[in-house]
Structures are given as C-alpha cells and as structure tokens.
Amino acid sequence: MDVVQLLGVNVRHHRKLKGMSQEELALEAGMERSYVSDLERGTRNPSVRALGRLADALGVAPHELLIATEA
C-alpha cells in the first residue's frame, strides 16, 4: 500500500473511532467534505499542512496517520 492510501485508511480509522462523520472532520480541519472523502479513498495527495490539520482535528500525532498498523 502506498503512503497516500495508507493515510486515507488511517484517517478513516481514526475518524470512525471518534464517531465523526466526514462532514464533522472536514469542519474541524477547515476542509471541504469532498476533500476528506478524496483523502480517505487515496485519490488526493495532501500537503504536510493538511496532514497536520487532520491530525489536530482527530486528536492524534501526525505520524500516527502515516504508520501501518498490524491487522
């Protein structure tokens, strides 16, 4: 899995753990809902700044969105 897809999987995972909708995450991170959707599907390559905003909105360290977890 490439890093963009991994980021999307991790964003979705942490968002669902928090019980947030894509709309709620987008609002917290100052993004469009469609952008969050694209990120989760791995079709957008976010900036480092966007990664930081997502991590802040999810209450996790940015590196947690980039690491593979064992299933």
N, C-alpha and C. Protein backbone atom coordinates (compact mmCIF):
# COMPACT_ATOMS: atom_id res chain seq x y z
N MET A 1 0.86 -1.18 0.00
CA MET A 1 0.00 0.00 0.00
C MET A 1 0.90 1.24 0.00
N ASP A 2 0.59 2.19 -0.86
CA ASP A 2 1.42 3.40 -0.87
C ASP A 2 1.00 4.33 0.25
N VAL A 3 1.82 5.35 0.49
CA VAL A 3 1.62 6.22 1.65
C VAL A 3 0.32 7.03 1.56
N VAL A 4 -0.10 7.39 0.36
CA VAL A 4 -1.35 8.15 0.21
C VAL A 4 -2.55 7.28 0.58
N GLN A 5 -2.54 6.04 0.14
CA GLN A 5 -3.62 5.12 0.51
C GLN A 5 -3.59 4.82 2.00
N LEU A 6 -2.39 4.64 2.56
CA LEU A 6 -2.24 4.39 3.99
C LEU A 6 -2.80 5.55 4.80
N LEU A 7 -2.51 6.76 4.38
CA LEU A 7 -3.05 7.93 5.06
C LEU A 7 -4.58 7.88 5.04
N GLY A 8 -5.16 7.59 3.90
CA GLY A 8 -6.62 7.52 3.80
C GLY A 8 -7.22 6.48 4.72
N VAL A 9 -6.61 5.31 4.77
CA VAL A 9 -7.09 4.24 5.65
C VAL A 9 -7.02 4.70 7.11
N ASN A 10 -5.91 5.34 7.48
CA ASN A 10 -5.74 5.78 8.86
C ASN A 10 -6.66 6.93 9.22
N VAL A 11 -6.89 7.85 8.30
CA VAL A 11 -7.83 8.95 8.57
C VAL A 11 -9.22 8.37 8.82
N ARG A 12 -9.66 7.47 7.96
CA ARG A 12 -10.98 6.84 8.12
C ARG A 12 -11.07 6.09 9.47
N HIS A 13 -10.02 5.34 9.78
CA HIS A 13 -9.99 4.57 11.03
C HIS A 13 -10.14 5.48 12.25
N HIS A 14 -9.32 6.53 12.31
CA HIS A 14 -9.36 7.44 13.46
C HIS A 14 -10.66 8.24 13.50
N ARG A 15 -11.17 8.59 12.33
CA ARG A 15 -12.45 9.32 12.27
C ARG A 15 -13.57 8.47 12.83
N LYS A 16 -13.60 7.21 12.44
CA LYS A 16 -14.67 6.31 12.93
C LYS A 16 -14.50 6.03 14.42
N LEU A 17 -13.26 5.91 14.90
CA LEU A 17 -13.03 5.72 16.34
C LEU A 17 -13.60 6.88 17.14
N LYS A 18 -13.51 8.07 16.58
CA LYS A 18 -14.04 9.28 17.24
C LYS A 18 -15.53 9.45 17.03
N GLY A 19 -16.13 8.62 16.19
CA GLY A 19 -17.55 8.73 15.90
C GLY A 19 -17.91 9.96 15.09
N MET A 20 -16.97 10.40 14.26
CA MET A 20 -17.17 11.60 13.45
C MET A 20 -17.60 11.23 12.04
N SER A 21 -18.42 12.08 11.46
CA SER A 21 -18.74 11.96 10.04
C SER A 21 -17.64 12.67 9.24
N GLN A 22 -17.63 12.44 7.94
CA GLN A 22 -16.68 13.17 7.10
C GLN A 22 -16.94 14.67 7.19
N GLU A 23 -18.20 15.02 7.27
CA GLU A 23 -18.57 16.44 7.36
C GLU A 23 -18.02 17.07 8.65
N GLU A 24 -18.15 16.35 9.76
CA GLU A 24 -17.65 16.86 11.04
C GLU A 24 -16.13 17.00 11.02
N LEU A 25 -15.44 16.01 10.46
CA LEU A 25 -13.99 16.08 10.37
C LEU A 25 -13.58 17.25 9.49
N ALA A 26 -14.24 17.39 8.37
CA ALA A 26 -13.92 18.49 7.45
C ALA A 26 -14.10 19.84 8.14
N LEU A 27 -15.17 20.00 8.87
CA LEU A 27 -15.42 21.26 9.59
C LEU A 27 -14.32 21.52 10.61
N GLU A 28 -13.96 20.50 11.40
CA GLU A 28 -12.91 20.64 12.41
C GLU A 28 -11.56 20.98 11.79
N ALA A 29 -11.29 20.40 10.63
CA ALA A 29 -9.99 20.59 9.98
C ALA A 29 -9.96 21.78 9.02
N GLY A 30 -11.11 22.43 8.82
CA GLY A 30 -11.17 23.57 7.91
C GLY A 30 -11.03 23.16 6.46
N MET A 31 -11.66 22.03 6.11
CA MET A 31 -11.59 21.49 4.75
C MET A 31 -12.98 21.25 4.20
N GLU A 32 -13.06 20.99 2.92
CA GLU A 32 -14.32 20.59 2.30
C GLU A 32 -14.55 19.10 2.56
N ARG A 33 -15.82 18.70 2.70
CA ARG A 33 -16.13 17.29 2.92
C ARG A 33 -15.64 16.44 1.76
N SER A 34 -15.76 16.95 0.55
CA SER A 34 -15.32 16.20 -0.62
C SER A 34 -13.81 15.95 -0.60
N TYR A 35 -13.06 16.89 -0.05
CA TYR A 35 -11.61 16.72 0.08
C TYR A 35 -11.29 15.59 1.05
N VAL A 36 -12.00 15.54 2.18
CA VAL A 36 -11.82 14.46 3.15
C VAL A 36 -12.17 13.12 2.50
N SER A 37 -13.25 13.09 1.75
CA SER A 37 -13.65 11.88 1.05
C SER A 37 -12.55 11.42 0.09
N ASP A 38 -12.02 12.36 -0.68
CA ASP A 38 -10.94 12.03 -1.62
C ASP A 38 -9.71 11.50 -0.89
N LEU A 39 -9.38 12.11 0.25
CA LEU A 39 -8.23 11.65 1.04
C LEU A 39 -8.45 10.22 1.51
N GLU A 40 -9.63 9.94 2.02
CA GLU A 40 -9.92 8.60 2.54
C GLU A 40 -9.88 7.54 1.44
N ARG A 41 -10.20 7.94 0.22
CA ARG A 41 -10.15 7.00 -0.91
C ARG A 41 -8.75 6.92 -1.52
N GLY A 42 -7.84 7.76 -1.05
CA GLY A 42 -6.47 7.74 -1.56
C GLY A 42 -6.31 8.38 -2.91
N THR A 43 -7.23 9.28 -3.27
CA THR A 43 -7.14 9.93 -4.57
C THR A 43 -6.60 11.36 -4.48
N ARG A 44 -6.28 11.81 -3.29
CA ARG A 44 -5.68 13.15 -3.09
C ARG A 44 -4.35 12.98 -2.39
N ASN A 45 -3.41 13.80 -2.75
CA ASN A 45 -2.11 13.80 -2.12
C ASN A 45 -2.02 15.08 -1.28
N PRO A 46 -2.27 14.99 0.03
CA PRO A 46 -2.37 16.19 0.85
C PRO A 46 -1.00 16.82 1.15
N SER A 47 -1.03 18.09 1.45
CA SER A 47 0.18 18.79 1.88
C SER A 47 0.49 18.39 3.33
N VAL A 48 1.67 18.72 3.76
CA VAL A 48 2.06 18.48 5.15
C VAL A 48 1.16 19.31 6.07
N ARG A 49 0.83 20.50 5.65
CA ARG A 49 -0.06 21.35 6.45
C ARG A 49 -1.43 20.69 6.61
N ALA A 50 -1.97 20.12 5.52
CA ALA A 50 -3.27 19.43 5.60
C ALA A 50 -3.17 18.21 6.53
N LEU A 51 -2.06 17.50 6.47
CA LEU A 51 -1.85 16.36 7.36
C LEU A 51 -1.91 16.83 8.82
N GLY A 52 -1.27 17.93 9.12
CA GLY A 52 -1.29 18.48 10.48
C GLY A 52 -2.68 18.88 10.93
N ARG A 53 -3.44 19.49 10.04
CA ARG A 53 -4.81 19.90 10.38
C ARG A 53 -5.70 18.70 10.64
N LEU A 54 -5.53 17.65 9.84
CA LEU A 54 -6.30 16.42 10.05
C LEU A 54 -5.94 15.79 11.39
N ALA A 55 -4.65 15.70 11.66
CA ALA A 55 -4.20 15.11 12.92
C ALA A 55 -4.75 15.89 14.11
N ASP A 56 -4.70 17.22 14.05
CA ASP A 56 -5.24 18.05 15.13
C ASP A 56 -6.73 17.78 15.32
N ALA A 57 -7.47 17.74 14.22
CA ALA A 57 -8.91 17.52 14.29
C ALA A 57 -9.25 16.14 14.84
N LEU A 58 -8.38 15.17 14.60
CA LEU A 58 -8.62 13.81 15.08
C LEU A 58 -8.01 13.56 16.47
N GLY A 59 -7.22 14.51 16.95
CA GLY A 59 -6.60 14.36 18.27
C GLY A 59 -5.49 13.32 18.30
N VAL A 60 -4.76 13.20 17.19
CA VAL A 60 -3.64 12.26 17.13
C VAL A 60 -2.40 12.99 16.64
N ALA A 61 -1.24 12.38 16.86
CA ALA A 61 0.01 12.93 16.32
C ALA A 61 0.03 12.69 14.81
N PRO A 62 0.57 13.61 14.04
CA PRO A 62 0.59 13.44 12.58
C PRO A 62 1.19 12.12 12.12
N HIS A 63 2.24 11.66 12.80
CA HIS A 63 2.88 10.41 12.34
C HIS A 63 1.94 9.21 12.47
N GLU A 64 0.94 9.29 13.35
CA GLU A 64 0.01 8.17 13.51
C GLU A 64 -0.85 7.96 12.25
N LEU A 65 -0.95 8.99 11.43
CA LEU A 65 -1.71 8.86 10.19
C LEU A 65 -0.88 8.27 9.05
N LEU A 66 0.41 8.08 9.31
CA LEU A 66 1.30 7.59 8.26
C LEU A 66 1.91 6.23 8.55
N ILE A 67 1.57 5.63 9.68
CA ILE A 67 2.17 4.34 10.03
C ILE A 67 1.18 3.20 9.78
N ALA A 68 1.74 2.10 9.34
CA ALA A 68 0.93 0.91 9.11
C ALA A 68 0.70 0.22 10.45
N THR A 69 -0.51 -0.22 10.67
CA THR A 69 -0.83 -0.97 11.88
C THR A 69 -1.06 -2.42 11.50
N GLU A 70 -0.77 -3.29 12.41
CA GLU A 70 -0.99 -4.71 12.15
C GLU A 70 -2.45 -5.03 12.34
N ALA A 71 -2.99 -5.78 11.41
CA ALA A 71 -4.41 -6.14 11.48
C ALA A 71 -4.63 -7.38 12.32
